[in-house]
Amino acid sequence: DVYKRQLHYSIPFNTTIFINASINEVYKTLWQAGVLVLIVILVFLQNFRATLVPATTVPVTIIGAFAGMAALGYTVNLSTLFALILAIGIVVDDAIVIVEGVSKYIEQGMSGHDAAIKAMGELFGPIIGITLVLMAVFLPSAFVPGLSGQMFAQFALVIAVTALISAVNAATLKPTQCALWLRTPKPVEQRNFFFRGFEHVYVRAERAYTGLIARMVRMSGLIVLIGILLAGVGIWGIARLPTGFIPNEDQGYLMVVALLPDGAALGRTTVALDGATKIAQDTPGVDNVIAITGMSALDNFADLSSAGVSFVTLKPWDQRSKAKGTDILSIAEHLQAKLNAAPDGRLFVVPPPPIQGIGNAGGLQMQLEMLGGSFNYQKLYEVTQQVIKAADADPQLQHVVTTLGPGAPHVSVTVDRARAQTLRVSVGDVFSALSA
């Protein structure tokens, strides 16, 4: 109790906040997707009994997917949850096909038992074929080499497992449910106002579609040419779209990188970073700022007296969404405009890496290699400056910097380890004092 009363602490920087918020949003989307799927099924089937058949597919398949995830050693994470969201719309397809097939024979006067047997005799093959095709689409993604394969393997395998469970469910449980639950549907005239209006619109749209298909079949040559043209346009569009690994997201924080002239003392860096911290704290939408001097965020957070980094944590997303100009892009632009007027050093606002541990910051990174065994760092620096100048001319790039600085003053110091041991001074303390 004394410890709790005398100690006051806060956690100004916590990367798990973004992870928890992302998972909560996925949970919300999962529920919304499930509800929307059930509403769509009800509107189109217009029968509560028929809706129950595909509706029970969703929980059964999701529970089976969790069992498959446990067997594969996967956890509940963003990749597996995204796979479940996509799977919700896929797993009900087989059940809907079976309901339509059984309903057709019930309307012809057959009993539910006989209608289910006859429908499954026709639909079992197509259901297996659809499942195999779906698994063939996603399974190869699990064998992509490198980091991309490791990231998307869970996504692909969870969808494949979900599709397999859905097929087993459709071939076993769904015919039984159809035989027990389905009845002869009411005529359209006896349905409620909403269903009658929807059926009227749907029938008109169906007639227009079938008429269009009939005309397209008569002009098959022209349709083939249009298809080839659309495929070419699609390939052209894909080739022109920019590519990337993972887009940057609003993770709830930014980084301010300070780069002072080579050899600048730690005290000078502290003054410059303190000024950047004050500017960041006065920026709308900012919640807290943590400044660390003597650390270069662009050099794998290596110790460097002329560099520093500030972690600028933003206010919660729900608070910033209500205020204008407090999105992460506006905050970064506003903060960078203020930092450009800093009197000492170069201060840059950089987004965090899309995935923690992969890269030091958002954006892209280039590395120049000096070949031929030469150690002419001045030449390497000159070439680097030429690359930066060319990059600055590109309007799509900004804040192109390098941490290479051959002009830093150097002093060669030889530590007398024997003397230090005699004086009972740690060699590590000597090095720490020299680098301070």
Foldseek 3Di string as FASTA:
>chain_A
DVVVVVDDDDDPDDLCVLQVVLLVVLVVLQVVLLVVLLVVLCLVVVDPLLSVLLNVQLVQLVVQLVVVCVVVVHDPGPLLSVLSSVLSNVLSPLLNQLSVQLLVVLLVPDALLVSLVVSCVVCLVVLVVVLVVLLVVLCVLCVDDDPSNVRNNSNSVSNNSSSVSSSVCSNPVSSVSSNPRDHNDDDLVPHDPSSVVSVVVVVVVVVVVVVVVVVCVVVVVVVVVVVVVVVVVVVVVVVPDDDDDDDDDPSQKWKKKWAFAFQDALVVQVVLVVVLLVLLVPQPFWDHKDKDAQFGLQVVRDGGSRMIMMITGGDDPVVQVVDPQNDPVSSQVVSQVVQVPRPTTHMHIFAADRDPPPHSTDDDDDDDDDDDPDPPLVVVVVVLVVVVVVQVVDPVDPDDDDPRDPPHDDDDDDDPVVVCVVVVHDPVVVVVVVSD
